Amino acid sequence: MSSGWGAVQIVFLGSVIGIACTSVPVGKDASVDGSVMTTHTCDGWYDARLVVVPGQTFEAGAMMPIYKNICIQSRPNVELKKVGEIPQVEKTYTYYHVGYPCMNENQVIIGETTFGGRREFGNGDAWIEIDQLEILGLQRSKTARECIEIMGALAEKYGYGDGGECLTVTDPNEAWHFEIMGPGPLWAPNSGKPGAVWVAQRIPDGEVGVSANRARIGEINLDDKKNFMASSNIFTLGEEMGFYDSKSGKPFNFYEVYAPVEIGGPYYSSRREWRVLSLVAPSLNLDPYAERFPFTVKPDKKLSVQDLMDIKRDHYEGTEFDLTTGMAAGPFGTPDRFATPGAVKPEDRKNVDWERAISLFRCSYSFISQARSWLPNPIGGLIWFGEDVPHSTCFVPFYCQVTEVPVSFSVGRRDIFDRNFAWWPFNFVSNWADLKYSYMIEDIKATQHEVEGDFLAMQAAVEMAALELYKKDPDLAVKYLTNYSNSCANRAVERWWKLADDLIAKYDDGYVDALTSVGYPTWWLEEVGYGDTTIKGYN
């Protein structure tokens, strides 16, 4: 993920500074019901306020301000920085704004991950960063393909000033994987050259992809216009910078030319790629230590929203990398591994880090999306939105044309504990669960099954009712779905505050049910030398 400050602060001795996202695009023939889907985990301190930004109509000559620091504007002491203005379009579409804007009224939906790339392509003076680019794409597009074309053209014209980024862009018919880099330090608006280099590859309808902070697009075929798009400098810029030789006879490979190094240390990205692809296609028996994995795979079974929720909550359970086991997980199996500065790492481990799971403690929010061609836009497009970390959140259905979200989701601060901000009950439950994770996660799962289970079970009936209303009056259908999404959101927040209260009482002072002492697991007592200092007195 982009910090909003550019891409140079990416890796230091294997430790990742605010870069960690996972996105899973799913083609329509790879889902159980024909939905085109994608996901996003926004990992780090990013703006978790969910806001509906209405579309507008503008007079000729209107201008649009371009900003930096959009995705982190809720951080303390961060100012929104205006860098310039560009011509506004006549009409913009309504979209959902959060740290990384995610969905518009036309069922165009975007997931995001950062891959960094070669620093040589950075340009701090270029105007447009990835969060601003997403806003422009969502405000101006009706399809995923159009969204990519718009974002690419604007980045080329005004300059892309961020690190290497991947956007998974979907609509009711297609899923795309879009990767973009800066133009290098010598680019200027009057240079006559493109201010960005980018490429997009279509996800096959029957397959599933993954982006996990590493460039994934390799060889490309621009003659295949159905499945590839790219900037005009896709081949030449890499050659000008000395990273590609067209005369060598070696095929052009995007990630080798522009982003060959995995950020965050060994397996930081590739392990998640392996895990996602292995979960959806275990029959492939992929090697977790492989250098590269297929761009997409055909799933062994078609995927549902619930399947993607489960993937988002994964910590490698049941594998050799399981973060809920071993001494590092403590006596109660917490999967959380906090950032470890290089100064305190063992001397022979300075360039490595903890295994990086899909569900990460520092996640700001996440979502799973659906876009469906057989339903009108207000009903067909939605995100299942969860504040804070996936494994302990509740995913709430928000439809793409709702007119408002609860105030608790759109207003609040993360630097001050605020019971009126929807982010806090989910964050509190996540943190509290670390005290006795193996026990509390079962309470959390039961509550997720209760609340999300109701939302999923009601979806078909709710959408059928909305469709009947839509046939009579589209505005009435939008009002109905607005009320429904808001009621789901309010229920989730209320239930998670109750869950927080229940967990505090149930596990008070290390007990279970405030009465039963369970102590610690025997294996852990043996490992930590239980009784070593007291048993001497008996010898």
Protein backbone atom coordinates (compact mmCIF):
# COMPACT_ATOMS: atom_id res chain seq x y z
CA MET A 1 0.00 0.00 0.00
CA SER A 2 1.13 3.51 -0.68
CA SER A 3 1.98 5.76 2.23
CA GLY A 4 1.01 8.84 0.27
CA TRP A 5 4.57 10.11 0.59
CA GLY A 6 6.03 8.29 -2.39
CA ALA A 7 7.58 4.91 -2.69
CA VAL A 8 11.10 5.19 -1.38
CA GLN A 9 10.27 4.20 2.21
CA ILE A 10 9.45 0.60 1.47
CA VAL A 11 11.96 -1.80 2.96
CA PHE A 12 14.59 -1.47 5.69
CA LEU A 13 16.48 -4.58 6.69
CA GLY A 14 13.53 -6.77 5.86
CA SER A 15 11.00 -4.81 7.90
CA VAL A 16 7.96 -3.46 6.14
CA ILE A 17 6.81 0.09 6.79
CA GLY A 18 3.07 0.28 6.22
CA ILE A 19 2.98 -1.85 3.09
CA ALA A 20 0.86 -4.96 3.25
CA CYS A 21 -2.27 -5.76 1.30
CA THR A 22 -3.79 -8.80 -0.33
CA SER A 23 -6.27 -8.73 -3.22
CA VAL A 24 -7.98 -11.73 -4.82
CA PRO A 25 -9.78 -11.14 -8.17
CA VAL A 26 -12.26 -13.80 -9.29
CA GLY A 27 -13.63 -14.18 -12.83
CA LYS A 28 -17.38 -14.61 -13.29
CA ASP A 29 -17.15 -18.29 -14.24
CA ALA A 30 -15.01 -19.02 -11.18
CA SER A 31 -17.69 -17.90 -8.69
CA VAL A 32 -20.67 -19.95 -7.56
CA ASP A 33 -23.28 -17.52 -8.84
CA GLY A 34 -21.53 -15.72 -11.72
CA SER A 35 -20.39 -12.76 -9.62
CA VAL A 36 -17.18 -11.02 -10.62
CA MET A 37 -15.38 -10.48 -7.32
CA THR A 38 -12.31 -8.93 -5.81
CA THR A 39 -11.01 -8.26 -2.31
CA HIS A 40 -8.80 -5.83 -0.43
CA THR A 41 -7.09 -5.79 2.95
CA CYS A 42 -5.88 -2.29 3.81
CA ASP A 43 -3.01 -3.05 6.17
CA GLY A 44 -1.54 -0.17 8.13
CA TRP A 45 -2.80 3.10 9.61
CA TYR A 46 -5.07 4.29 6.83
CA ASP A 47 -8.34 6.16 6.73
CA ALA A 48 -11.03 3.67 7.80
CA ARG A 49 -13.95 6.09 7.47
CA LEU A 50 -16.44 4.90 4.86
CA VAL A 51 -18.20 7.75 3.05
CA VAL A 52 -20.57 7.93 0.08
CA VAL A 53 -19.43 10.74 -2.25
CA PRO A 54 -22.35 11.77 -4.49
CA GLY A 55 -21.86 12.27 -8.20
CA GLN A 56 -22.20 15.78 -9.57
CA THR A 57 -22.76 17.73 -12.78
CA PHE A 58 -20.32 20.53 -13.58
CA GLU A 59 -20.32 23.54 -15.84
CA ALA A 60 -17.88 23.84 -18.72
CA GLY A 61 -14.45 24.99 -17.58
CA ALA A 62 -14.73 23.54 -14.08
CA MET A 63 -11.51 22.26 -12.52
CA MET A 64 -10.81 19.38 -10.14
CA PRO A 65 -8.18 19.71 -7.38
CA ILE A 66 -5.54 16.99 -7.15
CA TYR A 67 -4.30 16.01 -3.69
CA LYS A 68 -1.63 13.93 -2.00
CA ASN A 69 -1.98 12.19 1.39
CA ILE A 70 -5.61 11.26 0.73
CA CYS A 71 -5.42 7.71 2.09
CA ILE A 72 -3.78 8.80 5.37
CA GLN A 73 -5.65 12.01 6.04
CA SER A 74 -7.04 10.60 9.32
CA ARG A 75 -3.54 10.16 10.76
CA PRO A 76 -2.52 12.74 13.39
CA ASN A 77 -0.49 15.66 12.04
CA VAL A 78 -1.07 14.77 8.38
CA GLU A 79 -2.32 17.48 6.05
CA LEU A 80 -4.09 17.04 2.75
CA LYS A 81 -1.69 18.52 0.20
CA LYS A 82 -3.09 20.14 -2.94
CA VAL A 83 -0.65 19.89 -5.84
CA GLY A 84 -2.69 21.28 -8.71
CA GLU A 85 -5.91 21.17 -10.73
CA ILE A 86 -7.07 19.32 -13.83
CA PRO A 87 -10.14 19.87 -16.01
CA GLN A 88 -13.28 18.40 -14.51
CA VAL A 89 -15.65 16.21 -16.52
CA GLU A 90 -19.25 17.18 -17.10
CA LYS A 91 -20.61 14.44 -14.87
CA THR A 92 -19.06 12.34 -12.10
CA TYR A 93 -20.44 9.13 -10.65
CA THR A 94 -21.17 8.44 -6.99
CA TYR A 95 -18.47 6.37 -5.29
CA TYR A 96 -17.50 4.97 -1.89
CA HIS A 97 -14.56 6.78 -0.34
CA VAL A 98 -12.35 5.11 2.28
CA GLY A 99 -8.56 5.01 2.57
CA TYR A 100 -8.45 3.54 -0.92
CA PRO A 101 -11.70 4.37 -2.79
CA CYS A 102 -13.38 1.13 -3.69
CA MET A 103 -16.71 1.15 -5.60
CA ASN A 104 -18.90 3.36 -7.79
CA GLU A 105 -22.57 3.37 -8.71
CA ASN A 106 -21.87 1.42 -11.94
CA GLN A 107 -20.49 -1.66 -10.13
CA VAL A 108 -16.89 -0.73 -10.94
CA ILE A 109 -14.91 -1.97 -7.93
CA ILE A 110 -11.18 -1.67 -7.09
CA GLY A 111 -8.86 -3.58 -4.76
CA GLU A 112 -5.31 -2.36 -4.11
CA THR A 113 -1.84 -3.60 -3.17
CA THR A 114 1.60 -2.00 -3.36
CA PHE A 115 4.59 -3.70 -4.95
CA GLY A 116 7.11 -0.86 -4.79
CA GLY A 117 9.27 -1.63 -7.81
CA ARG A 118 12.61 -0.17 -8.81
CA ARG A 119 13.26 3.15 -7.10
CA GLU A 120 14.81 4.47 -10.31
CA PHE A 121 11.30 4.99 -11.71
CA GLY A 122 10.16 7.25 -8.88
CA ASN A 123 9.25 10.88 -9.51
CA GLY A 124 8.32 12.93 -6.45
CA ASP A 125 7.18 15.93 -8.49
CA ALA A 126 4.54 14.04 -10.46
CA TRP A 127 1.04 14.94 -9.33
CA ILE A 128 -1.03 11.80 -9.08
CA GLU A 129 -0.74 9.13 -6.42
CA ILE A 130 -2.66 5.87 -6.41
CA ASP A 131 -5.51 6.91 -4.10
CA GLN A 132 -6.21 10.02 -6.19
CA LEU A 133 -5.99 7.90 -9.34
CA GLU A 134 -8.66 5.55 -7.98
CA ILE A 135 -10.95 8.50 -7.27
CA LEU A 136 -10.57 9.72 -10.84
CA GLY A 137 -11.23 6.27 -12.24
CA LEU A 138 -14.31 5.62 -10.14
CA GLN A 139 -15.80 9.06 -10.70
CA ARG A 140 -15.50 8.79 -14.48
CA SER A 141 -16.01 5.16 -15.54
CA LYS A 142 -18.82 2.76 -16.34
CA THR A 143 -16.69 -0.37 -16.83
CA ALA A 144 -13.46 -1.84 -15.51
CA ARG A 145 -11.79 -1.50 -18.91
CA GLU A 146 -12.82 2.15 -19.15
CA CYS A 147 -11.62 2.76 -15.59
CA ILE A 148 -8.15 1.43 -16.45
CA GLU A 149 -7.98 3.45 -19.66
CA ILE A 150 -8.95 6.63 -17.80
CA MET A 151 -6.48 6.06 -14.97
CA GLY A 152 -3.70 5.22 -17.40
CA ALA A 153 -4.32 8.28 -19.56
CA LEU A 154 -4.47 10.69 -16.62
CA ALA A 155 -1.33 9.25 -15.04
CA GLU A 156 0.50 9.60 -18.34
CA LYS A 157 -0.63 13.20 -18.77
CA TYR A 158 -0.12 14.56 -15.25
CA GLY A 159 2.54 12.21 -13.94
CA TYR A 160 2.35 9.31 -11.52
CA GLY A 161 4.23 10.20 -8.34
CA ASP A 162 3.75 7.06 -6.24
CA GLY A 163 5.45 3.70 -5.87
CA GLY A 164 4.60 0.63 -7.90
CA GLU A 165 0.96 -0.29 -7.37
CA CYS A 166 -1.47 -3.00 -8.38
CA LEU A 167 -5.20 -2.40 -8.68
CA THR A 168 -7.61 -5.28 -9.22
CA VAL A 169 -10.44 -3.66 -11.16
CA THR A 170 -13.77 -5.39 -11.73
CA ASP A 171 -17.21 -4.79 -13.19
CA PRO A 172 -20.17 -7.16 -13.76
CA ASN A 173 -18.42 -8.84 -16.69
CA GLU A 174 -14.65 -8.59 -16.29
CA ALA A 175 -11.84 -8.65 -13.75
CA TRP A 176 -8.51 -6.95 -14.50
CA HIS A 177 -5.09 -6.80 -12.89
CA PHE A 178 -3.55 -3.31 -13.40
CA GLU A 179 0.04 -2.42 -12.48
CA ILE A 180 1.58 1.05 -12.65
CA MET A 181 4.98 2.68 -12.04
CA GLY A 182 6.42 6.18 -12.19
CA PRO A 183 8.23 7.66 -15.23
CA GLY A 184 11.63 8.17 -13.62
CA PRO A 185 13.17 11.32 -12.09
CA LEU A 186 13.80 13.16 -15.38
CA TRP A 187 10.17 13.29 -16.48
CA ALA A 188 8.44 16.66 -16.51
CA PRO A 189 4.99 17.69 -17.82
CA ASN A 190 6.56 19.50 -20.76
CA SER A 191 8.81 16.58 -21.72
CA GLY A 192 6.35 15.25 -24.28
CA LYS A 193 6.71 11.76 -22.77
CA PRO A 194 4.22 9.70 -20.75
CA GLY A 195 4.28 10.47 -17.03
CA ALA A 196 3.73 6.82 -16.07
CA VAL A 197 4.29 3.30 -17.28
CA TRP A 198 1.46 0.81 -16.82
CA VAL A 199 0.10 -2.52 -17.96
CA ALA A 200 -3.16 -4.41 -17.40
CA GLN A 201 -3.97 -8.06 -17.87
CA ARG A 202 -7.45 -9.55 -17.82
CA ILE A 203 -8.28 -12.30 -15.35
CA PRO A 204 -9.75 -15.23 -17.35
CA ASP A 205 -13.46 -15.66 -16.62
CA GLY A 206 -12.98 -19.11 -15.13
CA GLU A 207 -9.92 -18.33 -13.04
CA VAL A 208 -8.70 -16.64 -9.87
CA GLY A 209 -5.72 -14.33 -9.39
CA VAL A 210 -3.88 -12.79 -6.46
CA SER A 211 -1.91 -9.65 -5.67
CA ALA A 212 0.12 -9.57 -2.46
CA ASN A 213 2.61 -6.70 -2.70
CA ARG A 214 4.56 -8.10 -5.63
CA ALA A 215 4.31 -7.30 -9.35
CA ARG A 216 2.63 -10.25 -11.06
CA ILE A 217 2.34 -9.42 -14.76
CA GLY A 218 5.08 -11.08 -16.79
CA GLU A 219 5.11 -11.49 -20.57
CA ILE A 220 2.46 -9.51 -22.42
CA ASN A 221 0.85 -9.58 -25.85
CA LEU A 222 -0.49 -6.19 -26.84
CA ASP A 223 -1.91 -7.63 -30.06
CA ASP A 224 -4.39 -9.43 -27.83
CA LYS A 225 -6.51 -6.38 -27.06
CA LYS A 226 -9.15 -8.45 -25.28
CA ASN A 227 -6.72 -9.44 -22.55
CA PHE A 228 -3.98 -6.78 -22.42
CA MET A 229 -3.64 -3.00 -22.24
CA ALA A 230 -0.53 -0.89 -21.65
CA SER A 231 0.99 2.56 -21.91
CA SER A 232 2.80 3.44 -25.13
CA ASN A 233 6.18 3.41 -23.33
CA ILE A 234 5.79 -0.04 -21.78
CA PHE A 235 8.82 -1.39 -23.69
CA THR A 236 10.84 1.76 -24.30
CA LEU A 237 11.03 3.22 -20.79
CA GLY A 238 12.58 0.10 -19.33
CA GLU A 239 15.09 0.06 -22.16
CA GLU A 240 15.93 3.75 -21.75
CA MET A 241 16.63 3.14 -18.06
CA GLY A 242 18.89 0.20 -18.85
CA PHE A 243 16.74 -2.61 -17.50
CA TYR A 244 15.71 -4.18 -20.80
CA ASP A 245 17.52 -4.89 -24.05
CA SER A 246 15.16 -5.39 -26.98
CA LYS A 247 18.05 -6.78 -29.05
CA SER A 248 18.84 -9.56 -26.62
CA GLY A 249 16.13 -11.82 -27.98
CA LYS A 250 14.81 -12.33 -24.47
CA PRO A 251 11.03 -11.85 -24.16
CA PHE A 252 9.91 -8.69 -22.38
CA ASN A 253 8.68 -9.42 -18.86
CA PHE A 254 7.05 -6.59 -16.93
CA TYR A 255 7.96 -7.63 -13.41
CA GLU A 256 11.55 -8.48 -14.36
CA VAL A 257 12.07 -5.07 -15.95
CA TYR A 258 10.21 -2.84 -13.52
CA ALA A 259 9.85 -4.68 -10.20
CA PRO A 260 12.05 -7.77 -9.86
CA VAL A 261 12.59 -7.73 -6.09
CA GLU A 262 10.11 -9.00 -3.53
CA ILE A 263 9.55 -6.31 -0.91
CA GLY A 264 9.63 -7.03 2.80
CA GLY A 265 12.19 -9.81 2.82
CA PRO A 266 12.03 -13.45 1.74
CA TYR A 267 8.53 -14.81 1.09
CA TYR A 268 6.76 -11.70 2.38
CA SER A 269 4.61 -11.64 -0.75
CA SER A 270 5.16 -14.99 -2.41
CA ARG A 271 3.98 -16.99 0.61
CA ARG A 272 0.59 -15.27 0.46
CA GLU A 273 0.42 -15.85 -3.29
CA TRP A 274 1.08 -19.53 -2.63
CA ARG A 275 -1.51 -19.66 0.13
CA VAL A 276 -4.32 -18.04 -1.86
CA LEU A 277 -3.70 -20.13 -4.96
CA SER A 278 -3.33 -23.29 -2.87
CA LEU A 279 -6.57 -22.64 -1.02
CA VAL A 280 -8.53 -22.20 -4.25
CA ALA A 281 -6.73 -24.98 -6.16
CA PRO A 282 -5.18 -27.45 -3.70
CA SER A 283 -4.97 -30.04 -6.47
CA LEU A 284 -2.05 -28.10 -7.99
CA ASN A 285 0.12 -28.96 -4.98
CA LEU A 286 2.11 -25.74 -5.37
CA ASP A 287 5.52 -25.46 -3.74
CA PRO A 288 5.48 -22.79 -0.98
CA TYR A 289 9.17 -22.09 -1.65
CA ALA A 290 8.77 -21.60 -5.40
CA GLU A 291 10.17 -18.41 -6.88
CA ARG A 292 7.09 -17.66 -9.00
CA PHE A 293 3.49 -18.88 -9.23
CA PRO A 294 0.94 -18.91 -12.07
CA PHE A 295 -0.67 -15.56 -12.81
CA THR A 296 -4.10 -17.17 -12.36
CA VAL A 297 -5.44 -20.64 -11.59
CA LYS A 298 -8.70 -22.48 -12.18
CA PRO A 299 -10.25 -23.18 -8.77
CA ASP A 300 -11.00 -26.76 -7.80
CA LYS A 301 -14.49 -25.57 -6.90
CA LYS A 302 -16.23 -22.32 -7.64
CA LEU A 303 -15.85 -19.67 -4.96
CA SER A 304 -18.51 -18.01 -2.84
CA VAL A 305 -18.44 -14.83 -0.77
CA GLN A 306 -18.02 -17.03 2.30
CA ASP A 307 -14.97 -18.69 0.70
CA LEU A 308 -13.33 -15.32 0.18
CA MET A 309 -14.15 -14.29 3.76
CA ASP A 310 -12.37 -17.44 4.93
CA ILE A 311 -9.34 -16.67 2.73
CA LYS A 312 -9.18 -13.13 4.11
CA ARG A 313 -9.06 -14.56 7.65
CA ASP A 314 -6.24 -17.01 7.01
CA HIS A 315 -3.04 -17.43 9.08
CA TYR A 316 -1.71 -20.54 7.30
CA GLU A 317 -3.66 -22.76 9.69
CA GLY A 318 -2.83 -26.43 9.22
CA THR A 319 0.43 -25.81 7.32
CA GLU A 320 4.06 -25.72 8.38
CA PHE A 321 3.77 -21.91 8.49
CA ASP A 322 0.77 -21.88 10.89
CA LEU A 323 1.03 -18.69 12.92
CA THR A 324 -1.30 -20.00 15.63
CA THR A 325 1.22 -22.64 16.75
CA GLY A 326 4.65 -22.68 18.39
CA MET A 327 6.37 -20.56 21.00
CA ALA A 328 6.00 -17.37 18.95
CA ALA A 329 2.23 -17.75 19.20
CA GLY A 330 2.45 -17.95 22.98
CA PRO A 331 0.47 -20.33 25.18
CA PHE A 332 -2.84 -19.34 23.58
CA GLY A 333 -1.95 -19.39 19.90
CA THR A 334 -2.20 -15.77 18.84
CA PRO A 335 -1.32 -15.33 15.14
CA ASP A 336 -0.28 -11.71 15.59
CA ARG A 337 3.40 -10.88 15.08
CA PHE A 338 4.21 -7.26 15.74
CA ALA A 339 6.75 -5.34 13.69
CA THR A 340 10.30 -6.08 14.84
CA PRO A 341 12.97 -3.36 14.41
CA GLY A 342 16.25 -4.50 12.94
CA ALA A 343 18.12 -3.36 16.04
CA VAL A 344 16.56 -6.09 18.19
CA LYS A 345 16.71 -8.92 15.68
CA PRO A 346 19.26 -11.71 16.16
CA GLU A 347 22.52 -10.97 14.39
CA ASP A 348 22.06 -13.80 11.88
CA ARG A 349 18.43 -12.80 11.14
CA LYS A 350 18.69 -9.10 10.31
CA ASN A 351 17.28 -9.48 6.81
CA VAL A 352 14.31 -11.68 7.61
CA ASP A 353 10.98 -11.18 9.29
CA TRP A 354 7.99 -13.07 10.64
CA GLU A 355 5.83 -15.02 8.25
CA ARG A 356 3.28 -12.59 6.80
CA ALA A 357 -0.28 -13.90 6.82
CA ILE A 358 -3.27 -12.65 4.85
CA SER A 359 -5.10 -11.48 7.99
CA LEU A 360 -2.82 -8.96 9.67
CA PHE A 361 -3.26 -7.26 13.05
CA ARG A 362 -2.59 -3.77 11.67
CA CYS A 363 -5.32 -3.95 9.03
CA SER A 364 -7.45 -0.80 8.82
CA TYR A 365 -10.34 -2.42 6.94
CA SER A 366 -11.05 -5.06 4.33
CA PHE A 367 -13.75 -6.01 1.87
CA ILE A 368 -15.04 -8.67 -0.48
CA SER A 369 -16.97 -7.41 -3.49
CA GLN A 370 -19.61 -8.69 -5.88
CA ALA A 371 -20.52 -7.29 -9.31
CA ARG A 372 -23.34 -9.05 -11.18
CA SER A 373 -24.43 -8.57 -14.78
CA TRP A 374 -27.94 -9.99 -14.44
CA LEU A 375 -29.04 -7.42 -11.87
CA PRO A 376 -29.48 -3.65 -12.25
CA ASN A 377 -26.59 -1.68 -10.81
CA PRO A 378 -28.19 -0.66 -7.49
CA ILE A 379 -28.74 -4.32 -6.62
CA GLY A 380 -25.93 -6.04 -8.50
CA GLY A 381 -22.93 -4.30 -6.95
CA LEU A 382 -21.90 -4.44 -3.30
CA ILE A 383 -18.97 -4.72 -0.95
CA TRP A 384 -18.92 -6.83 2.19
CA PHE A 385 -17.05 -4.29 4.32
CA GLY A 386 -15.23 -5.07 7.57
CA GLU A 387 -13.54 -2.57 9.84
CA ASP A 388 -10.14 -3.57 11.29
CA VAL A 389 -8.58 -7.02 10.89
CA PRO A 390 -10.49 -9.70 8.92
CA HIS A 391 -10.21 -12.57 11.41
CA SER A 392 -12.13 -10.69 14.11
CA THR A 393 -14.36 -8.35 12.12
CA CYS A 394 -17.90 -8.61 10.81
CA PHE A 395 -18.38 -8.17 7.06
CA VAL A 396 -21.37 -5.90 6.35
CA PRO A 397 -23.16 -5.66 2.96
CA PHE A 398 -23.11 -2.14 1.47
CA TYR A 399 -24.79 -1.82 -1.95
CA CYS A 400 -23.26 0.39 -4.61
CA GLN A 401 -25.99 3.01 -4.87
CA VAL A 402 -26.94 3.50 -1.23
CA THR A 403 -27.25 7.19 -0.49
CA GLU A 404 -25.66 7.18 2.96
CA VAL A 405 -23.92 5.02 5.56
CA PRO A 406 -24.28 5.27 9.35
CA VAL A 407 -22.49 8.21 10.90
CA SER A 408 -20.53 5.77 13.04
CA PHE A 409 -18.83 4.46 9.88
CA SER A 410 -18.11 7.85 8.32
CA VAL A 411 -17.00 9.97 11.28
CA GLY A 412 -14.38 9.15 13.88
CA ARG A 413 -10.75 9.07 14.99
CA ARG A 414 -8.30 6.24 15.45
CA ASP A 415 -5.87 8.10 17.69
CA ILE A 416 -8.48 8.57 20.44
CA PHE A 417 -10.69 5.74 21.75
CA ASP A 418 -14.14 6.66 20.52
CA ARG A 419 -17.21 4.51 21.17
CA ASN A 420 -19.06 6.43 18.48
CA PHE A 421 -16.68 5.29 15.71
CA ALA A 422 -17.52 1.91 14.17
CA TRP A 423 -13.85 0.97 13.80
CA TRP A 424 -13.25 0.74 17.54
CA PRO A 425 -15.39 -2.25 18.66
CA PHE A 426 -13.74 -4.43 16.02
CA ASN A 427 -10.25 -3.20 16.88
CA PHE A 428 -10.88 -3.67 20.60
CA VAL A 429 -12.13 -7.24 20.15
CA SER A 430 -9.06 -8.04 18.04
CA ASN A 431 -6.65 -6.69 20.65
CA TRP A 432 -8.46 -8.22 23.61
CA ALA A 433 -8.49 -11.63 21.91
CA ASP A 434 -4.68 -11.71 21.97
CA LEU A 435 -4.86 -12.33 25.72
CA LYS A 436 -6.35 -15.79 25.20
CA TYR A 437 -6.69 -16.16 21.45
CA SER A 438 -7.32 -19.90 21.16
CA TYR A 439 -10.34 -19.50 23.43
CA MET A 440 -11.66 -16.09 22.38
CA ILE A 441 -11.44 -16.76 18.64
CA GLU A 442 -14.12 -19.41 19.12
CA ASP A 443 -16.44 -16.79 20.65
CA ILE A 444 -15.61 -14.47 17.75
CA LYS A 445 -16.28 -17.15 15.15
CA ALA A 446 -19.62 -17.96 16.77
CA THR A 447 -20.61 -14.30 16.63
CA GLN A 448 -19.47 -14.01 13.01
CA HIS A 449 -21.53 -17.10 12.16
CA GLU A 450 -24.52 -15.55 13.90
CA VAL A 451 -24.41 -12.09 12.31
CA GLU A 452 -22.71 -12.66 8.94
CA GLY A 453 -24.67 -15.89 8.64
CA ASP A 454 -27.90 -13.91 8.84
CA PHE A 455 -26.66 -11.36 6.29
CA LEU A 456 -25.66 -14.09 3.83
CA ALA A 457 -28.88 -16.05 4.38
CA MET A 458 -30.99 -12.94 3.82
CA GLN A 459 -29.16 -11.73 0.72
CA ALA A 460 -31.28 -13.53 -1.89
CA ALA A 461 -34.59 -12.51 -0.28
CA VAL A 462 -33.47 -8.90 0.18
CA GLU A 463 -32.34 -8.63 -3.43
CA MET A 464 -35.52 -10.24 -4.72
CA ALA A 465 -37.58 -7.66 -2.83
CA ALA A 466 -35.31 -4.88 -4.09
CA LEU A 467 -35.73 -6.09 -7.67
CA GLU A 468 -39.52 -6.01 -7.39
CA LEU A 469 -39.30 -2.46 -6.06
CA TYR A 470 -36.85 -1.52 -8.82
CA LYS A 471 -39.32 -2.59 -11.49
CA LYS A 472 -41.87 -0.17 -10.02
CA ASP A 473 -39.58 2.64 -8.89
CA PRO A 474 -35.75 2.49 -8.96
CA ASP A 475 -35.47 5.22 -6.34
CA LEU A 476 -37.59 3.17 -3.97
CA ALA A 477 -35.28 0.19 -4.43
CA VAL A 478 -32.26 2.37 -3.61
CA LYS A 479 -33.99 3.66 -0.48
CA TYR A 480 -34.83 0.09 0.56
CA LEU A 481 -31.22 -1.06 0.11
CA THR A 482 -29.90 2.02 1.89
CA ASN A 483 -32.07 1.21 4.89
CA TYR A 484 -31.06 -2.45 4.75
CA SER A 485 -27.31 -1.79 4.53
CA ASN A 486 -27.52 0.71 7.36
CA SER A 487 -29.51 -1.65 9.56
CA CYS A 488 -26.92 -4.39 8.97
CA ALA A 489 -24.08 -2.00 9.79
CA ASN A 490 -25.74 -0.79 12.99
CA ARG A 491 -26.49 -4.35 14.07
CA ALA A 492 -22.87 -5.40 13.53
CA VAL A 493 -21.51 -2.51 15.59
CA GLU A 494 -23.99 -3.07 18.41
CA ARG A 495 -23.26 -6.80 18.46
CA TRP A 496 -19.48 -6.27 18.51
CA TRP A 497 -19.67 -3.90 21.46
CA LYS A 498 -21.68 -6.56 23.28
CA LEU A 499 -19.09 -9.17 22.25
CA ALA A 500 -16.37 -6.91 23.68
CA ASP A 501 -18.21 -6.64 26.98
CA ASP A 502 -18.79 -10.40 27.07
CA LEU A 503 -15.12 -11.18 26.41
CA ILE A 504 -13.97 -8.81 29.16
CA ALA A 505 -16.15 -10.54 31.73
CA LYS A 506 -15.74 -14.11 30.48
CA TYR A 507 -11.92 -14.05 30.47
CA ASP A 508 -11.30 -11.77 33.44
CA ASP A 509 -7.93 -12.36 35.17
CA GLY A 510 -7.10 -15.35 32.99
CA TYR A 511 -10.21 -17.33 33.89
CA VAL A 512 -12.78 -18.79 31.51
CA ASP A 513 -16.40 -17.88 32.25
CA ALA A 514 -14.97 -15.84 35.14
CA LEU A 515 -14.88 -19.06 37.20
CA THR A 516 -12.74 -21.73 35.58
CA SER A 517 -8.95 -21.67 35.75
CA VAL A 518 -7.40 -23.31 32.68
CA GLY A 519 -3.81 -22.34 33.35
CA TYR A 520 -1.43 -22.88 30.46
CA PRO A 521 -0.87 -25.76 27.99
CA THR A 522 1.52 -28.42 29.28
CA TRP A 523 3.78 -28.16 26.21
CA TRP A 524 4.24 -24.46 26.86
CA LEU A 525 5.00 -24.95 30.56
CA GLU A 526 7.68 -27.46 29.62
CA GLU A 527 9.18 -25.12 27.02
CA VAL A 528 9.43 -22.13 29.37
CA GLY A 529 10.93 -24.14 32.23
CA TYR A 530 7.94 -24.18 34.53
CA GLY A 531 9.13 -24.65 38.13
CA ASP A 532 12.85 -24.46 37.36
CA THR A 533 13.52 -21.81 40.00
CA THR A 534 11.38 -23.35 42.74
CA ILE A 535 12.08 -27.05 42.34
CA LYS A 536 15.66 -26.52 43.52
CA GLY A 537 14.39 -26.01 47.04
CA TYR A 538 13.19 -29.60 47.12
CA ASN A 539 16.53 -31.12 46.13
